[in-house]
PDB file of N, CA and C in Angstrom:
ATOM      1  N   UNK A   1      14.024   9.633 -10.236  1.00  0.00           N
ATOM      2  CA  UNK A   1      13.007  10.146 -11.101  1.00  0.00           C
ATOM      3  C   UNK A   1      13.755  10.826 -12.415  1.00  0.00           C
ATOM      4  N   UNK A   2      13.395  10.226 -13.725  1.00  0.00           N
ATOM      5  CA  UNK A   2      14.136  10.751 -14.787  1.00  0.00           C
ATOM      6  C   UNK A   2      13.902  12.473 -15.111  1.00  0.00           C
ATOM      7  N   UNK A   3      12.589  12.547 -14.936  1.00  0.00           N
ATOM      8  CA  UNK A   3      12.178  14.045 -15.132  1.00  0.00           C
ATOM      9  C   UNK A   3      12.962  14.821 -14.259  1.00  0.00           C
ATOM     10  N   UNK A   4      13.267  14.556 -13.171  1.00  0.00           N
ATOM     11  CA  UNK A   4      13.939  15.429 -12.114  1.00  0.00           C
ATOM     12  C   UNK A   4      15.307  15.617 -12.516  1.00  0.00           C
ATOM     13  N   UNK A   5      15.980  14.692 -13.567  1.00  0.00           N
ATOM     14  CA  UNK A   5      17.570  14.754 -13.878  1.00  0.00           C
ATOM     15  C   UNK A   5      17.482  15.858 -14.974  1.00  0.00           C
ATOM     16  N   UNK A   6      16.308  15.912 -15.571  1.00  0.00           N
ATOM     17  CA  UNK A   6      16.239  16.793 -17.094  1.00  0.00           C
ATOM     18  C   UNK A   6      15.914  18.334 -16.711  1.00  0.00           C
ATOM     19  N   UNK A   7      14.983  18.374 -15.532  1.00  0.00           N
ATOM     20  CA  UNK A   7      14.556  19.900 -15.441  1.00  0.00           C
ATOM     21  C   UNK A   7      14.292  20.211 -13.932  1.00  0.00           C
ATOM     22  N   UNK A   8      14.746  19.436 -13.150  1.00  0.00           N
ATOM     23  CA  UNK A   8      14.076  19.846 -11.450  1.00  0.00           C
ATOM     24  C   UNK A   8      12.976  19.319 -11.397  1.00  0.00           C
ATOM     25  N   UNK A   9      12.516  19.773 -10.070  1.00  0.00           N
ATOM     26  CA  UNK A   9      11.216  19.559  -9.576  1.00  0.00           C
ATOM     27  C   UNK A   9      10.288  20.469  -8.500  1.00  0.00           C
ATOM     28  N   UNK A  10       9.178  20.554  -8.494  1.00  0.00           N
ATOM     29  CA  UNK A  10       8.510  21.630  -7.525  1.00  0.00           C
ATOM     30  C   UNK A  10       8.215  20.615  -6.373  1.00  0.00           C
ATOM     31  N   UNK A  11       8.556  21.268  -5.220  1.00  0.00           N
ATOM     32  CA  UNK A  11       8.218  20.721  -4.034  1.00  0.00           C
ATOM     33  C   UNK A  11       7.011  21.717  -3.279  1.00  0.00           C
ATOM     34  N   UNK A  12       6.078  20.875  -2.718  1.00  0.00           N
ATOM     35  CA  UNK A  12       5.043  21.306  -1.949  1.00  0.00           C
ATOM     36  C   UNK A  12       5.453  21.477  -0.606  1.00  0.00           C
ATOM     37  N   UNK A  13       5.475  22.493   0.078  1.00  0.00           N
ATOM     38  CA  UNK A  13       5.907  22.894   1.434  1.00  0.00           C
ATOM     39  C   UNK A  13       4.654  23.243   2.386  1.00  0.00           C
ATOM     40  N   UNK A  14       3.522  22.732   2.177  1.00  0.00           N
ATOM     41  CA  UNK A  14       2.372  22.939   3.176  1.00  0.00           C
ATOM     42  C   UNK A  14       2.667  22.301   4.350  1.00  0.00           C
ATOM     43  N   UNK A  15       3.034  21.036   4.306  1.00  0.00           N
ATOM     44  CA  UNK A  15       3.219  20.492   5.919  1.00  0.00           C
ATOM     45  C   UNK A  15       3.932  21.395   6.641  1.00  0.00           C
ATOM     46  N   UNK A  16       5.308  21.626   6.150  1.00  0.00           N
ATOM     47  CA  UNK A  16       6.294  22.490   6.825  1.00  0.00           C
ATOM     48  C   UNK A  16       5.626  23.834   7.239  1.00  0.00           C
ATOM     49  N   UNK A  17       4.831  24.504   6.397  1.00  0.00           N
ATOM     50  CA  UNK A  17       4.179  25.842   6.561  1.00  0.00           C
ATOM     51  C   UNK A  17       3.220  25.707   7.615  1.00  0.00           C
ATOM     52  N   UNK A  18       2.282  24.627   7.727  1.00  0.00           N
ATOM     53  CA  UNK A  18       1.610  24.593   8.899  1.00  0.00           C
ATOM     54  C   UNK A  18       2.356  24.221   9.948  1.00  0.00           C
ATOM     55  N   UNK A  19       3.468  23.337  10.158  1.00  0.00           N
ATOM     56  CA  UNK A  19       3.957  23.158  11.415  1.00  0.00           C
ATOM     57  C   UNK A  19       4.618  24.578  11.740  1.00  0.00           C
ATOM     58  N   UNK A  20       5.082  25.397  10.921  1.00  0.00           N
ATOM     59  CA  UNK A  20       5.840  26.560  11.625  1.00  0.00           C
ATOM     60  C   UNK A  20       4.945  27.465  11.908  1.00  0.00           C
ATOM     61  N   UNK A  21       3.807  27.460  11.510  1.00  0.00           N
ATOM     62  CA  UNK A  21       2.618  28.559  12.043  1.00  0.00           C
ATOM     63  C   UNK A  21       1.606  27.823  12.938  1.00  0.00           C
ATOM     64  N   UNK A  22       1.895  26.793  13.501  1.00  0.00           N
ATOM     65  CA  UNK A  22       0.928  26.058  14.489  1.00  0.00           C
ATOM     66  C   UNK A  22      -0.451  25.966  14.121  1.00  0.00           C
ATOM     67  N   UNK A  23      -0.497  25.691  12.721  1.00  0.00           N
ATOM     68  CA  UNK A  23      -1.935  25.310  11.993  1.00  0.00           C
ATOM     69  C   UNK A  23      -2.144  23.920  11.847  1.00  0.00           C
ATOM     70  N   UNK A  24      -3.316  23.238  12.334  1.00  0.00           N
ATOM     71  CA  UNK A  24      -3.538  22.101  12.500  1.00  0.00           C
ATOM     72  C   UNK A  24      -3.943  21.855  10.790  1.00  0.00           C
ATOM     73  N   UNK A  25      -3.895  20.429  10.545  1.00  0.00           N
ATOM     74  CA  UNK A  25      -4.287  19.972   9.236  1.00  0.00           C
ATOM     75  C   UNK A  25      -5.858  19.904   9.106  1.00  0.00           C
ATOM     76  N   UNK A  26      -6.611  19.599  10.198  1.00  0.00           N
ATOM     77  CA  UNK A  26      -7.874  19.612  10.262  1.00  0.00           C
ATOM     78  C   UNK A  26      -8.582  20.865   9.821  1.00  0.00           C
ATOM     79  N   UNK A  27      -7.834  21.697  10.722  1.00  0.00           N
ATOM     80  CA  UNK A  27      -8.657  23.237  10.703  1.00  0.00           C
ATOM     81  C   UNK A  27      -8.367  23.855   9.263  1.00  0.00           C
ATOM     82  N   UNK A  28      -7.133  23.490   8.755  1.00  0.00           N
ATOM     83  CA  UNK A  28      -6.770  24.132   7.420  1.00  0.00           C
ATOM     84  C   UNK A  28      -7.470  23.791   6.360  1.00  0.00           C
ATOM     85  N   UNK A  29      -7.703  22.144   6.343  1.00  0.00           N
ATOM     86  CA  UNK A  29      -8.427  21.568   5.329  1.00  0.00           C
ATOM     87  C   UNK A  29      -9.885  21.821   5.210  1.00  0.00           C
ATOM     88  N   UNK A  30     -10.353  21.773   6.439  1.00  0.00           N
ATOM     89  CA  UNK A  30     -11.811  22.515   6.642  1.00  0.00           C
ATOM     90  C   UNK A  30     -11.931  23.796   6.193  1.00  0.00           C
ATOM     91  N   UNK A  31     -11.349  24.685   6.501  1.00  0.00           N
ATOM     92  CA  UNK A  31     -11.298  26.248   6.135  1.00  0.00           C
ATOM     93  C   UNK A  31     -11.366  26.333   4.602  1.00  0.00           C
ATOM     94  N   UNK A  32     -10.236  25.525   3.946  1.00  0.00           N
ATOM     95  CA  UNK A  32     -10.129  25.606   2.620  1.00  0.00           C
ATOM     96  C   UNK A  32     -10.865  24.738   1.733  1.00  0.00           C
ATOM     97  N   UNK A  33     -11.904  24.094   2.338  1.00  0.00           N
ATOM     98  CA  UNK A  33     -12.931  23.205   1.869  1.00  0.00           C
ATOM     99  C   UNK A  33     -11.960  22.240   0.839  1.00  0.00           C
ATOM    100  N   UNK A  34     -11.063  21.710   1.340  1.00  0.00           N
ATOM    101  CA  UNK A  34     -10.290  20.559   0.682  1.00  0.00           C
ATOM    102  C   UNK A  34     -10.667  19.278   1.527  1.00  0.00           C
ATOM    103  N   UNK A  35     -11.086  18.274   0.517  1.00  0.00           N
ATOM    104  CA  UNK A  35     -10.981  16.911   1.221  1.00  0.00           C
ATOM    105  C   UNK A  35      -9.466  16.563   1.999  1.00  0.00           C
ATOM    106  N   UNK A  36      -9.683  15.717   3.146  1.00  0.00           N
ATOM    107  CA  UNK A  36      -8.499  15.417   3.786  1.00  0.00           C
ATOM    108  C   UNK A  36      -7.584  14.654   3.181  1.00  0.00           C
ATOM    109  N   UNK A  37      -8.151  13.570   2.035  1.00  0.00           N
ATOM    110  CA  UNK A  37      -7.360  12.787   1.407  1.00  0.00           C
ATOM    111  C   UNK A  37      -6.587  13.743   0.574  1.00  0.00           C
ATOM    112  N   UNK A  38      -7.184  14.601  -0.191  1.00  0.00           N
ATOM    113  CA  UNK A  38      -6.478  15.675  -1.207  1.00  0.00           C
ATOM    114  C   UNK A  38      -5.365  16.484  -0.498  1.00  0.00           C
ATOM    115  N   UNK A  39      -5.985  16.909   0.860  1.00  0.00           N
ATOM    116  CA  UNK A  39      -5.057  17.836   1.678  1.00  0.00           C
ATOM    117  C   UNK A  39      -3.797  17.194   2.060  1.00  0.00           C
ATOM    118  N   UNK A  40      -3.846  15.864   2.479  1.00  0.00           N
ATOM    119  CA  UNK A  40      -2.742  14.966   2.701  1.00  0.00           C
ATOM    120  C   UNK A  40      -1.824  14.786   1.664  1.00  0.00           C
ATOM    121  N   UNK A  41      -2.249  14.638   0.547  1.00  0.00           N
ATOM    122  CA  UNK A  41      -1.392  14.431  -0.816  1.00  0.00           C
ATOM    123  C   UNK A  41      -0.339  15.874  -1.028  1.00  0.00           C
ATOM    124  N   UNK A  42      -1.049  16.699  -0.731  1.00  0.00           N
ATOM    125  CA  UNK A  42      -0.251  18.222  -0.716  1.00  0.00           C
ATOM    126  C   UNK A  42       0.597  18.159   0.444  1.00  0.00           C
ATOM    127  N   UNK A  43       0.347  17.782   1.650  1.00  0.00           N
ATOM    128  CA  UNK A  43       1.330  17.771   2.617  1.00  0.00           C
ATOM    129  C   UNK A  43       2.412  16.817   2.466  1.00  0.00           C
ATOM    130  N   UNK A  44       1.882  15.569   2.088  1.00  0.00           N
ATOM    131  CA  UNK A  44       2.997  14.785   1.592  1.00  0.00           C
ATOM    132  C   UNK A  44       3.919  15.048   0.384  1.00  0.00           C
ATOM    133  N   UNK A  45       3.517  15.934  -0.246  1.00  0.00           N
ATOM    134  CA  UNK A  45       4.285  16.375  -1.502  1.00  0.00           C
ATOM    135  C   UNK A  45       4.150  15.067  -2.428  1.00  0.00           C
ATOM    136  N   UNK A  46       2.960  14.666  -2.703  1.00  0.00           N
ATOM    137  CA  UNK A  46       2.808  13.394  -3.571  1.00  0.00           C
ATOM    138  C   UNK A  46       1.851  13.808  -4.874  1.00  0.00           C
ATOM    139  N   UNK A  47       1.602  14.886  -4.841  1.00  0.00           N
ATOM    140  CA  UNK A  47       0.475  15.419  -6.084  1.00  0.00           C
ATOM    141  C   UNK A  47       1.305  15.600  -7.352  1.00  0.00           C
ATOM    142  N   UNK A  48       0.537  14.836  -8.230  1.00  0.00           N
ATOM    143  CA  UNK A  48       1.038  14.621  -9.568  1.00  0.00           C
ATOM    144  C   UNK A  48       0.787  15.833 -10.499  1.00  0.00           C
ATOM    145  N   UNK A  49      -0.408  16.455 -10.241  1.00  0.00           N
ATOM    146  CA  UNK A  49      -1.001  17.621 -10.945  1.00  0.00           C
ATOM    147  C   UNK A  49      -1.677  18.755 -10.011  1.00  0.00           C
ATOM    148  N   UNK A  50      -0.989  19.585  -9.916  1.00  0.00           N
ATOM    149  CA  UNK A  50      -1.303  20.663  -8.862  1.00  0.00           C
ATOM    150  C   UNK A  50      -2.581  21.452  -9.534  1.00  0.00           C
ATOM    151  N   UNK A  51      -3.250  21.680  -8.429  1.00  0.00           N
ATOM    152  CA  UNK A  51      -4.820  22.023  -8.823  1.00  0.00           C
ATOM    153  C   UNK A  51      -4.797  23.729  -8.462  1.00  0.00           C
ATOM    154  N   UNK A  52      -4.725  24.668  -9.453  1.00  0.00           N
ATOM    155  CA  UNK A  52      -4.479  25.945  -9.031  1.00  0.00           C
ATOM    156  C   UNK A  52      -5.707  26.706  -8.283  1.00  0.00           C
ATOM    157  N   UNK A  53      -6.861  26.012  -8.147  1.00  0.00           N
ATOM    158  CA  UNK A  53      -7.981  26.394  -7.524  1.00  0.00           C
ATOM    159  C   UNK A  53      -7.538  26.050  -5.948  1.00  0.00           C
ATOM    160  N   UNK A  54      -7.159  24.731  -5.940  1.00  0.00           N
ATOM    161  CA  UNK A  54      -6.815  24.426  -4.428  1.00  0.00           C
ATOM    162  C   UNK A  54      -5.683  25.290  -3.903  1.00  0.00           C
ATOM    163  N   UNK A  55      -4.541  25.584  -4.705  1.00  0.00           N
ATOM    164  CA  UNK A  55      -3.504  26.431  -4.300  1.00  0.00           C
ATOM    165  C   UNK A  55      -4.093  27.905  -3.848  1.00  0.00           C
ATOM    166  N   UNK A  56      -4.959  28.367  -4.541  1.00  0.00           N
ATOM    167  CA  UNK A  56      -5.483  29.677  -4.437  1.00  0.00           C
ATOM    168  C   UNK A  56      -6.476  29.758  -3.038  1.00  0.00           C
ATOM    169  N   UNK A  57      -7.098  28.506  -2.864  1.00  0.00           N
ATOM    170  CA  UNK A  57      -8.083  28.448  -1.668  1.00  0.00           C
ATOM    171  C   UNK A  57      -7.055  28.215  -0.447  1.00  0.00           C
ATOM    172  N   UNK A  58      -5.836  27.681  -0.470  1.00  0.00           N
ATOM    173  CA  UNK A  58      -4.968  27.461   0.498  1.00  0.00           C
ATOM    174  C   UNK A  58      -4.374  28.754   0.844  1.00  0.00           C
ATOM    175  N   UNK A  59      -3.810  29.636  -0.056  1.00  0.00           N
ATOM    176  CA  UNK A  59      -3.245  30.766   0.075  1.00  0.00           C
ATOM    177  C   UNK A  59      -4.265  31.633   0.824  1.00  0.00           C
ATOM    178  N   UNK A  60      -5.470  31.796   0.360  1.00  0.00           N
ATOM    179  CA  UNK A  60      -6.613  32.652   0.790  1.00  0.00           C
ATOM    180  C   UNK A  60      -6.593  32.327   2.438  1.00  0.00           C
ATOM    181  N   UNK A  61      -6.863  30.846   2.445  1.00  0.00           N
ATOM    182  CA  UNK A  61      -7.047  30.437   4.040  1.00  0.00           C
ATOM    183  C   UNK A  61      -5.935  30.813   4.893  1.00  0.00           C
ATOM    184  N   UNK A  62      -4.864  30.452   4.526  1.00  0.00           N
ATOM    185  CA  UNK A  62      -3.492  30.417   5.302  1.00  0.00           C
ATOM    186  C   UNK A  62      -2.998  31.865   5.386  1.00  0.00           C
ATOM    187  N   UNK A  63      -3.591  33.022   4.616  1.00  0.00           N
ATOM    188  CA  UNK A  63      -3.033  34.315   4.452  1.00  0.00           C
ATOM    189  C   UNK A  63      -1.466  34.069   4.196  1.00  0.00           C
ATOM    190  N   UNK A  64      -1.173  33.550   3.095  1.00  0.00           N
ATOM    191  CA  UNK A  64       0.170  33.488   2.632  1.00  0.00           C
ATOM    192  C   UNK A  64       0.477  33.579   1.164  1.00  0.00           C
ATOM    193  N   UNK A  65       1.581  33.619   0.493  1.00  0.00           N
ATOM    194  CA  UNK A  65       1.897  33.736  -0.958  1.00  0.00           C
ATOM    195  C   UNK A  65       2.228  32.206  -1.312  1.00  0.00           C
ATOM    196  N   UNK A  66       2.013  32.061  -2.639  1.00  0.00           N
ATOM    197  CA  UNK A  66       2.291  30.811  -3.299  1.00  0.00           C
ATOM    198  C   UNK A  66       3.818  30.484  -3.248  1.00  0.00           C
ATOM    199  N   UNK A  67       4.535  31.439  -2.916  1.00  0.00           N
ATOM    200  CA  UNK A  67       5.994  31.156  -2.533  1.00  0.00           C
ATOM    201  C   UNK A  67       6.233  30.462  -1.224  1.00  0.00           C
ATOM    202  N   UNK A  68       5.317  30.717  -0.288  1.00  0.00           N
ATOM    203  CA  UNK A  68       5.230  29.902   1.069  1.00  0.00           C
ATOM    204  C   UNK A  68       4.924  28.551   0.665  1.00  0.00           C
ATOM    205  N   UNK A  69       4.263  27.967  -0.206  1.00  0.00           N
ATOM    206  CA  UNK A  69       3.871  26.874  -0.536  1.00  0.00           C
ATOM    207  C   UNK A  69       4.493  25.967  -1.364  1.00  0.00           C
ATOM    208  N   UNK A  70       5.116  26.869  -2.341  1.00  0.00           N
ATOM    209  CA  UNK A  70       5.919  25.951  -3.600  1.00  0.00           C
ATOM    210  C   UNK A  70       7.377  26.271  -3.464  1.00  0.00           C
ATOM    211  N   UNK A  71       8.128  25.230  -3.838  1.00  0.00           N
ATOM    212  CA  UNK A  71       9.516  25.715  -4.057  1.00  0.00           C
ATOM    213  C   UNK A  71       9.878  24.762  -5.360  1.00  0.00           C
ATOM    214  N   UNK A  72      10.781  25.541  -6.139  1.00  0.00           N
ATOM    215  CA  UNK A  72      11.376  25.012  -7.371  1.00  0.00           C
ATOM    216  C   UNK A  72      12.978  24.434  -7.060  1.00  0.00           C
ATOM    217  N   UNK A  73      13.174  23.084  -7.148  1.00  0.00           N
ATOM    218  CA  UNK A  73      14.722  22.665  -6.904  1.00  0.00           C
ATOM    219  C   UNK A  73      14.929  22.281  -7.963  1.00  0.00           C
ATOM    220  N   UNK A  74      16.103  22.936  -8.526  1.00  0.00           N
ATOM    221  CA  UNK A  74      16.761  22.914  -9.755  1.00  0.00           C
ATOM    222  C   UNK A  74      17.514  21.522  -9.815  1.00  0.00           C
ATOM    223  N   UNK A  75      17.594  20.862 -11.027  1.00  0.00           N
ATOM    224  CA  UNK A  75      18.089  19.755 -11.253  1.00  0.00           C
ATOM    225  C   UNK A  75      19.717  19.776 -10.944  1.00  0.00           C
ATOM    226  N   UNK A  76      20.223  18.640 -10.508  1.00  0.00           N
ATOM    227  CA  UNK A  76      21.722  18.528 -10.190  1.00  0.00           C
ATOM    228  C   UNK A  76      22.434  18.213 -11.113  1.00  0.00           C
ATOM    229  N   UNK A  77      23.474  19.086 -11.128  1.00  0.00           N
ATOM    230  CA  UNK A  77      24.457  19.182 -12.546  1.00  0.00           C
ATOM    231  C   UNK A  77      25.634  18.369 -12.114  1.00  0.00           C
TER     232      UNK A  77
END
């Protein structure tokens, strides 16, 4: 990706968080009131535009902080 070379990228760590805490995708998506399609996009880290409301619902549902779900990866030099 060209943008990644100029300024890094943000990774969504949702699937990793769920796995580490033994939470099912069905349970989490239902509790956060997020469609399974959208939820899967976050799990697979293929979201182009992050919805802050979705992130807030995930943090509230999973009782976690934003740092648990997102990570900035600096560009390689």
